[in-house]
Amino acid sequence: MLRWSEIFLIMALIASLCGFGGMMGGDPTIAKILFFIFTFLFIASVVNRRQTRNAK
């Protein structure tokens, strides 16, 4: 699960660079939406990891 957290974090950072940095010429809104989705998934996977670790 920690691996997924790292993947989501990297994808969120890439999406933020494209969307907030103006690299996507046509429509940066898609990159901004992806940034928030991957950030949410990253936080959810970290919380899930902590809960499963405490349950054992």
C-alpha atoms as a PDB file:
ATOM      1  CA  MET A   1       0.000   0.000   0.000  1.00  0.00           C
ATOM      2  CA  LEU A   2       2.926   2.316   0.623  1.00  0.00           C
ATOM      3  CA  ARG A   3       3.953   1.794  -2.982  1.00  0.00           C
ATOM      4  CA  TRP A   4       0.572   3.106  -4.143  1.00  0.00           C
ATOM      5  CA  SER A   5       0.993   6.137  -1.911  1.00  0.00           C
ATOM      6  CA  GLU A   6       4.294   6.931  -3.573  1.00  0.00           C
ATOM      7  CA  ILE A   7       2.796   6.481  -7.044  1.00  0.00           C
ATOM      8  CA  PHE A   8      -0.136   8.789  -6.250  1.00  0.00           C
ATOM      9  CA  LEU A   9       2.209  11.413  -4.828  1.00  0.00           C
ATOM     10  CA  ILE A  10       4.410  11.373  -7.919  1.00  0.00           C
ATOM     11  CA  MET A  11       1.387  11.562 -10.234  1.00  0.00           C
ATOM     12  CA  ALA A  12      -0.023  14.493  -8.240  1.00  0.00           C
ATOM     13  CA  LEU A  13       3.273  16.334  -8.481  1.00  0.00           C
ATOM     14  CA  ILE A  14       3.490  15.774 -12.234  1.00  0.00           C
ATOM     15  CA  ALA A  15      -0.101  16.916 -12.723  1.00  0.00           C
ATOM     16  CA  SER A  16       0.552  20.034 -10.650  1.00  0.00           C
ATOM     17  CA  LEU A  17       3.643  20.897 -12.680  1.00  0.00           C
ATOM     18  CA  CYS A  18       1.661  20.603 -15.896  1.00  0.00           C
ATOM     19  CA  GLY A  19      -1.460  22.386 -14.695  1.00  0.00           C
ATOM     20  CA  PHE A  20      -0.156  25.080 -12.412  1.00  0.00           C
ATOM     21  CA  GLY A  21       3.016  25.750 -14.372  1.00  0.00           C
ATOM     22  CA  GLY A  22       1.225  26.383 -17.652  1.00  0.00           C
ATOM     23  CA  MET A  23       2.883  23.520 -19.514  1.00  0.00           C
ATOM     24  CA  MET A  24      -0.441  22.258 -20.841  1.00  0.00           C
ATOM     25  CA  GLY A  25      -1.219  24.803 -23.488  1.00  0.00           C
ATOM     26  CA  GLY A  26      -4.861  24.133 -24.247  1.00  0.00           C
ATOM     27  CA  ASP A  27      -6.664  23.307 -21.059  1.00  0.00           C
ATOM     28  CA  PRO A  28      -4.818  23.257 -17.736  1.00  0.00           C
ATOM     29  CA  THR A  29      -8.050  22.469 -15.877  1.00  0.00           C
ATOM     30  CA  ILE A  30      -7.640  18.751 -16.572  1.00  0.00           C
ATOM     31  CA  ALA A  31      -4.212  18.708 -14.929  1.00  0.00           C
ATOM     32  CA  LYS A  32      -5.562  20.627 -11.943  1.00  0.00           C
ATOM     33  CA  ILE A  33      -8.419  18.149 -11.525  1.00  0.00           C
ATOM     34  CA  LEU A  34      -5.956  15.236 -11.764  1.00  0.00           C
ATOM     35  CA  PHE A  35      -3.766  16.928  -9.170  1.00  0.00           C
ATOM     36  CA  PHE A  36      -6.624  17.062  -6.665  1.00  0.00           C
ATOM     37  CA  ILE A  37      -7.737  13.505  -7.436  1.00  0.00           C
ATOM     38  CA  PHE A  38      -4.240  12.069  -6.971  1.00  0.00           C
ATOM     39  CA  THR A  39      -3.669  14.160  -3.848  1.00  0.00           C
ATOM     40  CA  PHE A  40      -6.886  12.781  -2.376  1.00  0.00           C
ATOM     41  CA  LEU A  41      -5.872   9.224  -3.294  1.00  0.00           C
ATOM     42  CA  PHE A  42      -2.454   9.779  -1.711  1.00  0.00           C
ATOM     43  CA  ILE A  43      -3.968  11.007   1.550  1.00  0.00           C
ATOM     44  CA  ALA A  44      -6.533   8.189   1.572  1.00  0.00           C
ATOM     45  CA  SER A  45      -3.861   5.545   1.053  1.00  0.00           C
ATOM     46  CA  VAL A  46      -1.680   7.002   3.833  1.00  0.00           C
ATOM     47  CA  VAL A  47      -4.642   7.021   6.233  1.00  0.00           C
ATOM     48  CA  ASN A  48      -5.557   3.476   5.222  1.00  0.00           C
ATOM     49  CA  ARG A  49      -1.972   2.353   5.794  1.00  0.00           C
ATOM     50  CA  ARG A  50      -1.941   3.849   9.284  1.00  0.00           C
ATOM     51  CA  GLN A  51      -5.259   2.242  10.186  1.00  0.00           C
ATOM     52  CA  THR A  52      -4.199  -1.208   9.016  1.00  0.00           C
ATOM     53  CA  ARG A  53      -0.886  -0.881  10.813  1.00  0.00           C
ATOM     54  CA  ASN A  54      -2.613   0.039  14.094  1.00  0.00           C
ATOM     55  CA  ALA A  55      -5.155  -2.789  13.706  1.00  0.00           C
ATOM     56  CA  LYS A  56      -2.448  -5.471  13.760  1.00  0.00           C
END
